[in-house]
mmCIF file of all heavy atoms, coordinates in Angstrom:
data_MODEL
# 
_entry.id   MODEL 
# 
loop_
_atom_site.group_PDB 
_atom_site.id 
_atom_site.type_symbol 
_atom_site.label_atom_id 
_atom_site.label_alt_id 
_atom_site.label_comp_id 
_atom_site.label_asym_id 
_atom_site.label_entity_id 
_atom_site.label_seq_id 
_atom_site.pdbx_PDB_ins_code 
_atom_site.Cartn_x 
_atom_site.Cartn_y 
_atom_site.Cartn_z 
_atom_site.occupancy 
_atom_site.B_iso_or_equiv 
_atom_site.pdbx_formal_charge 
_atom_site.auth_seq_id 
_atom_site.auth_comp_id 
_atom_site.auth_asym_id 
_atom_site.auth_atom_id 
_atom_site.pdbx_PDB_model_num 
ATOM 1   N N   . SER A 1 1  ? -21.482 8.641   -1.121  1.00 0.00 ? 1  SER A N   1 
ATOM 2   C CA  . SER A 1 1  ? -20.560 8.161   -0.100  1.00 0.00 ? 1  SER A CA  1 
ATOM 3   C C   . SER A 1 1  ? -19.182 7.838   -0.678  1.00 0.00 ? 1  SER A C   1 
ATOM 4   O O   . SER A 1 1  ? -18.314 7.384   0.037   1.00 0.00 ? 1  SER A O   1 
ATOM 5   C CB  . SER A 1 1  ? -21.146 6.923   0.587   1.00 0.00 ? 1  SER A CB  1 
ATOM 6   O OG  . SER A 1 1  ? -21.258 5.869   -0.336  1.00 0.00 ? 1  SER A OG  1 
ATOM 7   N N   . HIS A 1 2  ? -18.986 8.079   -1.968  1.00 0.00 ? 2  HIS A N   1 
ATOM 8   C CA  . HIS A 1 2  ? -17.712 7.790   -2.619  1.00 0.00 ? 2  HIS A CA  1 
ATOM 9   C C   . HIS A 1 2  ? -16.640 8.771   -2.144  1.00 0.00 ? 2  HIS A C   1 
ATOM 10  O O   . HIS A 1 2  ? -16.850 9.972   -2.096  1.00 0.00 ? 2  HIS A O   1 
ATOM 11  C CB  . HIS A 1 2  ? -17.877 7.889   -4.137  1.00 0.00 ? 2  HIS A CB  1 
ATOM 12  C CG  . HIS A 1 2  ? -16.586 7.732   -4.877  1.00 0.00 ? 2  HIS A CG  1 
ATOM 13  N ND1 . HIS A 1 2  ? -15.973 6.513   -5.001  1.00 0.00 ? 2  HIS A ND1 1 
ATOM 14  C CD2 . HIS A 1 2  ? -15.794 8.629   -5.490  1.00 0.00 ? 2  HIS A CD2 1 
ATOM 15  C CE1 . HIS A 1 2  ? -14.849 6.676   -5.677  1.00 0.00 ? 2  HIS A CE1 1 
ATOM 16  N NE2 . HIS A 1 2  ? -14.725 7.941   -5.987  1.00 0.00 ? 2  HIS A NE2 1 
ATOM 17  N N   . VAL A 1 3  ? -15.505 8.244   -1.798  1.00 0.00 ? 3  VAL A N   1 
ATOM 18  C CA  . VAL A 1 3  ? -14.365 9.055   -1.403  1.00 0.00 ? 3  VAL A CA  1 
ATOM 19  C C   . VAL A 1 3  ? -13.254 8.775   -2.404  1.00 0.00 ? 3  VAL A C   1 
ATOM 20  O O   . VAL A 1 3  ? -12.920 7.610   -2.645  1.00 0.00 ? 3  VAL A O   1 
ATOM 21  C CB  . VAL A 1 3  ? -13.888 8.689   0.025   1.00 0.00 ? 3  VAL A CB  1 
ATOM 22  C CG1 . VAL A 1 3  ? -12.663 9.488   0.422   1.00 0.00 ? 3  VAL A CG1 1 
ATOM 23  C CG2 . VAL A 1 3  ? -15.012 8.883   1.025   1.00 0.00 ? 3  VAL A CG2 1 
ATOM 24  N N   . PRO A 1 4  ? -12.698 9.809   -3.022  1.00 0.00 ? 4  PRO A N   1 
ATOM 25  C CA  . PRO A 1 4  ? -11.609 9.575   -3.983  1.00 0.00 ? 4  PRO A CA  1 
ATOM 26  C C   . PRO A 1 4  ? -10.453 8.818   -3.340  1.00 0.00 ? 4  PRO A C   1 
ATOM 27  O O   . PRO A 1 4  ? -10.150 9.003   -2.156  1.00 0.00 ? 4  PRO A O   1 
ATOM 28  C CB  . PRO A 1 4  ? -11.176 10.986  -4.387  1.00 0.00 ? 4  PRO A CB  1 
ATOM 29  C CG  . PRO A 1 4  ? -12.338 11.857  -4.063  1.00 0.00 ? 4  PRO A CG  1 
ATOM 30  C CD  . PRO A 1 4  ? -13.025 11.212  -2.898  1.00 0.00 ? 4  PRO A CD  1 
ATOM 31  N N   . LEU A 1 5  ? -9.814  7.988   -4.124  1.00 0.00 ? 5  LEU A N   1 
ATOM 32  C CA  . LEU A 1 5  ? -8.730  7.153   -3.639  1.00 0.00 ? 5  LEU A CA  1 
ATOM 33  C C   . LEU A 1 5  ? -7.622  7.980   -2.987  1.00 0.00 ? 5  LEU A C   1 
ATOM 34  O O   . LEU A 1 5  ? -7.051  7.585   -1.982  1.00 0.00 ? 5  LEU A O   1 
ATOM 35  C CB  . LEU A 1 5  ? -8.159  6.327   -4.805  1.00 0.00 ? 5  LEU A CB  1 
ATOM 36  C CG  . LEU A 1 5  ? -7.079  5.320   -4.468  1.00 0.00 ? 5  LEU A CG  1 
ATOM 37  C CD1 . LEU A 1 5  ? -7.601  4.287   -3.477  1.00 0.00 ? 5  LEU A CD1 1 
ATOM 38  C CD2 . LEU A 1 5  ? -6.593  4.633   -5.722  1.00 0.00 ? 5  LEU A CD2 1 
ATOM 39  N N   . GLU A 1 6  ? -7.367  9.151   -3.567  1.00 0.00 ? 6  GLU A N   1 
ATOM 40  C CA  . GLU A 1 6  ? -6.304  10.000  -3.028  1.00 0.00 ? 6  GLU A CA  1 
ATOM 41  C C   . GLU A 1 6  ? -6.591  10.462  -1.603  1.00 0.00 ? 6  GLU A C   1 
ATOM 42  O O   . GLU A 1 6  ? -5.687  10.765  -0.842  1.00 0.00 ? 6  GLU A O   1 
ATOM 43  C CB  . GLU A 1 6  ? -6.101  11.258  -3.899  1.00 0.00 ? 6  GLU A CB  1 
ATOM 44  C CG  . GLU A 1 6  ? -5.755  10.993  -5.347  1.00 0.00 ? 6  GLU A CG  1 
ATOM 45  C CD  . GLU A 1 6  ? -6.995  10.670  -6.183  1.00 0.00 ? 6  GLU A CD  1 
ATOM 46  O OE1 . GLU A 1 6  ? -8.047  11.302  -6.001  1.00 0.00 ? 6  GLU A OE1 1 
ATOM 47  O OE2 . GLU A 1 6  ? -6.899  9.762   -7.007  1.00 0.00 ? 6  GLU A OE2 1 
ATOM 48  N N   . GLU A 1 7  ? -7.876  10.508  -1.225  1.00 0.00 ? 7  GLU A N   1 
ATOM 49  C CA  . GLU A 1 7  ? -8.237  10.993  0.100   1.00 0.00 ? 7  GLU A CA  1 
ATOM 50  C C   . GLU A 1 7  ? -8.333  9.890   1.147   1.00 0.00 ? 7  GLU A C   1 
ATOM 51  O O   . GLU A 1 7  ? -8.525  10.165  2.323   1.00 0.00 ? 7  GLU A O   1 
ATOM 52  C CB  . GLU A 1 7  ? -9.574  11.733  0.028   1.00 0.00 ? 7  GLU A CB  1 
ATOM 53  C CG  . GLU A 1 7  ? -9.499  13.000  -0.808  1.00 0.00 ? 7  GLU A CG  1 
ATOM 54  C CD  . GLU A 1 7  ? -10.849 13.684  -0.930  1.00 0.00 ? 7  GLU A CD  1 
ATOM 55  O OE1 . GLU A 1 7  ? -11.768 13.374  -0.149  1.00 0.00 ? 7  GLU A OE1 1 
ATOM 56  O OE2 . GLU A 1 7  ? -10.986 14.541  -1.820  1.00 0.00 ? 7  GLU A OE2 1 
ATOM 57  N N   . LEU A 1 8  ? -8.227  8.636   0.730   1.00 0.00 ? 8  LEU A N   1 
ATOM 58  C CA  . LEU A 1 8  ? -8.326  7.543   1.687   1.00 0.00 ? 8  LEU A CA  1 
ATOM 59  C C   . LEU A 1 8  ? -7.051  7.440   2.509   1.00 0.00 ? 8  LEU A C   1 
ATOM 60  O O   . LEU A 1 8  ? -5.947  7.561   1.980   1.00 0.00 ? 8  LEU A O   1 
ATOM 61  C CB  . LEU A 1 8  ? -8.543  6.216   0.957   1.00 0.00 ? 8  LEU A CB  1 
ATOM 62  C CG  . LEU A 1 8  ? -9.915  5.975   0.372   1.00 0.00 ? 8  LEU A CG  1 
ATOM 63  C CD1 . LEU A 1 8  ? -9.918  4.672   -0.415  1.00 0.00 ? 8  LEU A CD1 1 
ATOM 64  C CD2 . LEU A 1 8  ? -10.960 5.911   1.461   1.00 0.00 ? 8  LEU A CD2 1 
ATOM 65  N N   . PRO A 1 9  ? -7.232  7.213   3.796   1.00 0.00 ? 9  PRO A N   1 
ATOM 66  C CA  . PRO A 1 9  ? -6.031  7.004   4.612   1.00 0.00 ? 9  PRO A CA  1 
ATOM 67  C C   . PRO A 1 9  ? -5.478  5.606   4.333   1.00 0.00 ? 9  PRO A C   1 
ATOM 68  O O   . PRO A 1 9  ? -6.157  4.610   4.539   1.00 0.00 ? 9  PRO A O   1 
ATOM 69  C CB  . PRO A 1 9  ? -6.553  7.106   6.050   1.00 0.00 ? 9  PRO A CB  1 
ATOM 70  C CG  . PRO A 1 9  ? -8.002  6.784   5.955   1.00 0.00 ? 9  PRO A CG  1 
ATOM 71  C CD  . PRO A 1 9  ? -8.439  7.189   4.584   1.00 0.00 ? 9  PRO A CD  1 
ATOM 72  N N   . ILE A 1 10 ? -4.296  5.548   3.806   1.00 0.00 ? 10 ILE A N   1 
ATOM 73  C CA  . ILE A 1 10 ? -3.690  4.270   3.444   1.00 0.00 ? 10 ILE A CA  1 
ATOM 74  C C   . ILE A 1 10 ? -2.498  4.030   4.365   1.00 0.00 ? 10 ILE A C   1 
ATOM 75  O O   . ILE A 1 10 ? -1.667  4.920   4.572   1.00 0.00 ? 10 ILE A O   1 
ATOM 76  C CB  . ILE A 1 10 ? -3.233  4.270   1.967   1.00 0.00 ? 10 ILE A CB  1 
ATOM 77  C CG1 . ILE A 1 10 ? -4.454  4.481   1.074   1.00 0.00 ? 10 ILE A CG1 1 
ATOM 78  C CG2 . ILE A 1 10 ? -2.505  2.984   1.626   1.00 0.00 ? 10 ILE A CG2 1 
ATOM 79  C CD1 . ILE A 1 10 ? -4.140  4.619   -0.385  1.00 0.00 ? 10 ILE A CD1 1 
ATOM 80  N N   . ALA A 1 11 ? -2.466  2.841   4.900   1.00 0.00 ? 11 ALA A N   1 
ATOM 81  C CA  . ALA A 1 11 ? -1.350  2.494   5.780   1.00 0.00 ? 11 ALA A CA  1 
ATOM 82  C C   . ALA A 1 11 ? -0.058  2.549   4.984   1.00 0.00 ? 11 ALA A C   1 
ATOM 83  O O   . ALA A 1 11 ? 0.007   2.113   3.836   1.00 0.00 ? 11 ALA A O   1 
ATOM 84  C CB  . ALA A 1 11 ? -1.561  1.099   6.353   1.00 0.00 ? 11 ALA A CB  1 
ATOM 85  N N   . GLN A 1 12 ? 0.951   3.073   5.578   1.00 0.00 ? 12 GLN A N   1 
ATOM 86  C CA  . GLN A 1 12 ? 2.227   3.266   4.902   1.00 0.00 ? 12 GLN A CA  1 
ATOM 87  C C   . GLN A 1 12 ? 3.201   2.137   5.201   1.00 0.00 ? 12 GLN A C   1 
ATOM 88  O O   . GLN A 1 12 ? 4.396   2.365   5.319   1.00 0.00 ? 12 GLN A O   1 
ATOM 89  C CB  . GLN A 1 12 ? 2.834   4.622   5.326   1.00 0.00 ? 12 GLN A CB  1 
ATOM 90  C CG  . GLN A 1 12 ? 2.012   5.819   4.926   1.00 0.00 ? 12 GLN A CG  1 
ATOM 91  C CD  . GLN A 1 12 ? 1.861   5.934   3.423   1.00 0.00 ? 12 GLN A CD  1 
ATOM 92  O OE1 . GLN A 1 12 ? 2.780   5.679   2.672   1.00 0.00 ? 12 GLN A OE1 1 
ATOM 93  N NE2 . GLN A 1 12 ? 0.665   6.301   2.990   1.00 0.00 ? 12 GLN A NE2 1 
ATOM 94  N N   . ASP A 1 13 ? 2.668   0.948   5.335   1.00 0.00 ? 13 ASP A N   1 
ATOM 95  C CA  . ASP A 1 13 ? 3.540   -0.192  5.593   1.00 0.00 ? 13 ASP A CA  1 
ATOM 96  C C   . ASP A 1 13 ? 4.275   -0.546  4.309   1.00 0.00 ? 13 ASP A C   1 
ATOM 97  O O   . ASP A 1 13 ? 3.702   -1.130  3.398   1.00 0.00 ? 13 ASP A O   1 
ATOM 98  C CB  . ASP A 1 13 ? 2.737   -1.407  6.081   1.00 0.00 ? 13 ASP A CB  1 
ATOM 99  C CG  . ASP A 1 13 ? 2.107   -1.173  7.431   1.00 0.00 ? 13 ASP A CG  1 
ATOM 100 O OD1 . ASP A 1 13 ? 2.622   -0.328  8.171   1.00 0.00 ? 13 ASP A OD1 1 
ATOM 101 O OD2 . ASP A 1 13 ? 1.106   -1.845  7.742   1.00 0.00 ? 13 ASP A OD2 1 
ATOM 102 N N   . GLU A 1 14 ? 5.514   -0.177  4.218   1.00 0.00 ? 14 GLU A N   1 
ATOM 103 C CA  . GLU A 1 14 ? 6.356   -0.513  3.072   1.00 0.00 ? 14 GLU A CA  1 
ATOM 104 C C   . GLU A 1 14 ? 6.719   -1.984  3.163   1.00 0.00 ? 14 GLU A C   1 
ATOM 105 O O   . GLU A 1 14 ? 6.953   -2.515  4.237   1.00 0.00 ? 14 GLU A O   1 
ATOM 106 C CB  . GLU A 1 14 ? 7.660   0.292   3.113   1.00 0.00 ? 14 GLU A CB  1 
ATOM 107 C CG  . GLU A 1 14 ? 7.665   1.636   2.448   1.00 0.00 ? 14 GLU A CG  1 
ATOM 108 C CD  . GLU A 1 14 ? 7.436   1.598   0.950   1.00 0.00 ? 14 GLU A CD  1 
ATOM 109 O OE1 . GLU A 1 14 ? 8.083   0.803   0.238   1.00 0.00 ? 14 GLU A OE1 1 
ATOM 110 O OE2 . GLU A 1 14 ? 6.610   2.387   0.508   1.00 0.00 ? 14 GLU A OE2 1 
ATOM 111 N N   . LEU A 1 15 ? 6.759   -2.607  2.016   1.00 0.00 ? 15 LEU A N   1 
ATOM 112 C CA  . LEU A 1 15 ? 7.225   -3.984  1.989   1.00 0.00 ? 15 LEU A CA  1 
ATOM 113 C C   . LEU A 1 15 ? 8.746   -3.999  2.087   1.00 0.00 ? 15 LEU A C   1 
ATOM 114 O O   . LEU A 1 15 ? 9.424   -3.149  1.508   1.00 0.00 ? 15 LEU A O   1 
ATOM 115 C CB  . LEU A 1 15 ? 6.799   -4.664  0.686   1.00 0.00 ? 15 LEU A CB  1 
ATOM 116 C CG  . LEU A 1 15 ? 5.309   -4.886  0.472   1.00 0.00 ? 15 LEU A CG  1 
ATOM 117 C CD1 . LEU A 1 15 ? 5.073   -5.485  -0.905  1.00 0.00 ? 15 LEU A CD1 1 
ATOM 118 C CD2 . LEU A 1 15 ? 4.736   -5.792  1.536   1.00 0.00 ? 15 LEU A CD2 1 
ATOM 119 N N   . SER A 1 16 ? 9.220   -4.955  2.804   1.00 0.00 ? 16 SER A N   1 
ATOM 120 C CA  . SER A 1 16 ? 10.679  -5.094  2.901   1.00 0.00 ? 16 SER A CA  1 
ATOM 121 C C   . SER A 1 16 ? 11.196  -5.605  1.556   1.00 0.00 ? 16 SER A C   1 
ATOM 122 O O   . SER A 1 16 ? 10.429  -6.086  0.715   1.00 0.00 ? 16 SER A O   1 
ATOM 123 C CB  . SER A 1 16 ? 11.045  -6.067  4.020   1.00 0.00 ? 16 SER A CB  1 
ATOM 124 O OG  . SER A 1 16 ? 10.679  -7.376  3.656   1.00 0.00 ? 16 SER A OG  1 
ATOM 125 N N   . GLN A 1 17 ? 12.475  -5.526  1.362   1.00 0.00 ? 17 GLN A N   1 
ATOM 126 C CA  . GLN A 1 17 ? 13.103  -6.005  0.134   1.00 0.00 ? 17 GLN A CA  1 
ATOM 127 C C   . GLN A 1 17 ? 12.794  -7.481  -0.080  1.00 0.00 ? 17 GLN A C   1 
ATOM 128 O O   . GLN A 1 17 ? 12.471  -7.899  -1.191  1.00 0.00 ? 17 GLN A O   1 
ATOM 129 C CB  . GLN A 1 17 ? 14.623  -5.761  0.187   1.00 0.00 ? 17 GLN A CB  1 
ATOM 130 C CG  . GLN A 1 17 ? 15.376  -6.164  -1.057  1.00 0.00 ? 17 GLN A CG  1 
ATOM 131 C CD  . GLN A 1 17 ? 15.021  -5.286  -2.260  1.00 0.00 ? 17 GLN A CD  1 
ATOM 132 O OE1 . GLN A 1 17 ? 14.597  -4.148  -2.113  1.00 0.00 ? 17 GLN A OE1 1 
ATOM 133 N NE2 . GLN A 1 17 ? 15.198  -5.834  -3.443  1.00 0.00 ? 17 GLN A NE2 1 
ATOM 134 N N   . ASP A 1 18 ? 12.891  -8.274  0.982   1.00 0.00 ? 18 ASP A N   1 
ATOM 135 C CA  . ASP A 1 18 ? 12.601  -9.706  0.886   1.00 0.00 ? 18 ASP A CA  1 
ATOM 136 C C   . ASP A 1 18 ? 11.145  -9.949  0.494   1.00 0.00 ? 18 ASP A C   1 
ATOM 137 O O   . ASP A 1 18 ? 10.853  -10.813 -0.339  1.00 0.00 ? 18 ASP A O   1 
ATOM 138 C CB  . ASP A 1 18 ? 12.894  -10.413 2.211   1.00 0.00 ? 18 ASP A CB  1 
ATOM 139 C CG  . ASP A 1 18 ? 14.383  -10.482 2.516   1.00 0.00 ? 18 ASP A CG  1 
ATOM 140 O OD1 . ASP A 1 18 ? 15.187  -10.390 1.564   1.00 0.00 ? 18 ASP A OD1 1 
ATOM 141 O OD2 . ASP A 1 18 ? 14.736  -10.632 3.697   1.00 0.00 ? 18 ASP A OD2 1 
ATOM 142 N N   . GLU A 1 19 ? 10.217  -9.202  1.101   1.00 0.00 ? 19 GLU A N   1 
ATOM 143 C CA  . GLU A 1 19 ? 8.796   -9.361  0.787   1.00 0.00 ? 19 GLU A CA  1 
ATOM 144 C C   . GLU A 1 19 ? 8.507   -8.978  -0.665  1.00 0.00 ? 19 GLU A C   1 
ATOM 145 O O   . GLU A 1 19 ? 7.727   -9.643  -1.343  1.00 0.00 ? 19 GLU A O   1 
ATOM 146 C CB  . GLU A 1 19 ? 7.935   -8.508  1.736   1.00 0.00 ? 19 GLU A CB  1 
ATOM 147 C CG  . GLU A 1 19 ? 7.925   -9.026  3.160   1.00 0.00 ? 19 GLU A CG  1 
ATOM 148 C CD  . GLU A 1 19 ? 7.258   -8.063  4.122   1.00 0.00 ? 19 GLU A CD  1 
ATOM 149 O OE1 . GLU A 1 19 ? 7.379   -6.830  3.927   1.00 0.00 ? 19 GLU A OE1 1 
ATOM 150 O OE2 . GLU A 1 19 ? 6.609   -8.542  5.059   1.00 0.00 ? 19 GLU A OE2 1 
ATOM 151 N N   . ARG A 1 20 ? 9.168   -7.924  -1.134  1.00 0.00 ? 20 ARG A N   1 
ATOM 152 C CA  . ARG A 1 20 ? 8.983   -7.530  -2.536  1.00 0.00 ? 20 ARG A CA  1 
ATOM 153 C C   . ARG A 1 20 ? 9.498   -8.600  -3.487  1.00 0.00 ? 20 ARG A C   1 
ATOM 154 O O   . ARG A 1 20 ? 8.895   -8.886  -4.511  1.00 0.00 ? 20 ARG A O   1 
ATOM 155 C CB  . ARG A 1 20 ? 9.686   -6.193  -2.812  1.00 0.00 ? 20 ARG A CB  1 
ATOM 156 C CG  . ARG A 1 20 ? 8.870   -5.002  -2.393  1.00 0.00 ? 20 ARG A CG  1 
ATOM 157 C CD  . ARG A 1 20 ? 9.462   -3.756  -2.978  1.00 0.00 ? 20 ARG A CD  1 
ATOM 158 N NE  . ARG A 1 20 ? 10.779  -3.507  -2.420  1.00 0.00 ? 20 ARG A NE  1 
ATOM 159 C CZ  . ARG A 1 20 ? 11.099  -2.482  -1.657  1.00 0.00 ? 20 ARG A CZ  1 
ATOM 160 N NH1 . ARG A 1 20 ? 10.219  -1.568  -1.388  1.00 0.00 ? 20 ARG A NH1 1 
ATOM 161 N NH2 . ARG A 1 20 ? 12.310  -2.349  -1.185  1.00 0.00 ? 20 ARG A NH2 1 
ATOM 162 N N   . LEU A 1 21 ? 10.626  -9.209  -3.161  1.00 0.00 ? 21 LEU A N   1 
ATOM 163 C CA  . LEU A 1 21 ? 11.175  -10.280 -3.994  1.00 0.00 ? 21 LEU A CA  1 
ATOM 164 C C   . LEU A 1 21 ? 10.249  -11.498 -4.018  1.00 0.00 ? 21 LEU A C   1 
ATOM 165 O O   . LEU A 1 21 ? 10.019  -12.092 -5.068  1.00 0.00 ? 21 LEU A O   1 
ATOM 166 C CB  . LEU A 1 21 ? 12.570  -10.680 -3.505  1.00 0.00 ? 21 LEU A CB  1 
ATOM 167 C CG  . LEU A 1 21 ? 13.683  -9.668  -3.780  1.00 0.00 ? 21 LEU A CG  1 
ATOM 168 C CD1 . LEU A 1 21 ? 14.975  -10.094 -3.100  1.00 0.00 ? 21 LEU A CD1 1 
ATOM 169 C CD2 . LEU A 1 21 ? 13.895  -9.511  -5.282  1.00 0.00 ? 21 LEU A CD2 1 
ATOM 170 N N   . VAL A 1 22 ? 9.691   -11.847 -2.854  1.00 0.00 ? 22 VAL A N   1 
ATOM 171 C CA  . VAL A 1 22 ? 8.772   -12.981 -2.784  1.00 0.00 ? 22 VAL A CA  1 
ATOM 172 C C   . VAL A 1 22 ? 7.522   -12.680 -3.597  1.00 0.00 ? 22 VAL A C   1 
ATOM 173 O O   . VAL A 1 22 ? 7.035   -13.533 -4.347  1.00 0.00 ? 22 VAL A O   1 
ATOM 174 C CB  . VAL A 1 22 ? 8.414   -13.301 -1.310  1.00 0.00 ? 22 VAL A CB  1 
ATOM 175 C CG1 . VAL A 1 22 ? 7.249   -14.270 -1.218  1.00 0.00 ? 22 VAL A CG1 1 
ATOM 176 C CG2 . VAL A 1 22 ? 9.630   -13.854 -0.582  1.00 0.00 ? 22 VAL A CG2 1 
ATOM 177 N N   . LEU A 1 23 ? 7.009   -11.463 -3.481  1.00 0.00 ? 23 LEU A N   1 
ATOM 178 C CA  . LEU A 1 23 ? 5.823   -11.065 -4.238  1.00 0.00 ? 23 LEU A CA  1 
ATOM 179 C C   . LEU A 1 23 ? 6.107   -11.096 -5.740  1.00 0.00 ? 23 LEU A C   1 
ATOM 180 O O   . LEU A 1 23 ? 5.297   -11.601 -6.527  1.00 0.00 ? 23 LEU A O   1 
ATOM 181 C CB  . LEU A 1 23 ? 5.367   -9.664  -3.809  1.00 0.00 ? 23 LEU A CB  1 
ATOM 182 C CG  . LEU A 1 23 ? 4.089   -9.133  -4.437  1.00 0.00 ? 23 LEU A CG  1 
ATOM 183 C CD1 . LEU A 1 23 ? 2.901   -10.039 -4.128  1.00 0.00 ? 23 LEU A CD1 1 
ATOM 184 C CD2 . LEU A 1 23 ? 3.808   -7.725  -3.945  1.00 0.00 ? 23 LEU A CD2 1 
ATOM 185 N N   . GLN A 1 24 ? 7.250   -10.581 -6.151  1.00 0.00 ? 24 GLN A N   1 
ATOM 186 C CA  . GLN A 1 24 ? 7.633   -10.594 -7.564  1.00 0.00 ? 24 GLN A CA  1 
ATOM 187 C C   . GLN A 1 24 ? 7.780   -12.024 -8.073  1.00 0.00 ? 24 GLN A C   1 
ATOM 188 O O   . GLN A 1 24 ? 7.322   -12.359 -9.164  1.00 0.00 ? 24 GLN A O   1 
ATOM 189 C CB  . GLN A 1 24 ? 8.943   -9.818  -7.765  1.00 0.00 ? 24 GLN A CB  1 
ATOM 190 C CG  . GLN A 1 24 ? 9.395   -9.756  -9.205  1.00 0.00 ? 24 GLN A CG  1 
ATOM 191 C CD  . GLN A 1 24 ? 8.392   -9.045  -10.104 1.00 0.00 ? 24 GLN A CD  1 
ATOM 192 O OE1 . GLN A 1 24 ? 7.705   -8.119  -9.687  1.00 0.00 ? 24 GLN A OE1 1 
ATOM 193 N NE2 . GLN A 1 24 ? 8.306   -9.498  -11.338 1.00 0.00 ? 24 GLN A NE2 1 
# 
């Protein structure tokens, strides 16, 4: 039942600049 990571549908929600700064 393993599906390679490359084949998984991943949401393309990009982090905003502010969210990236907070995460960093």
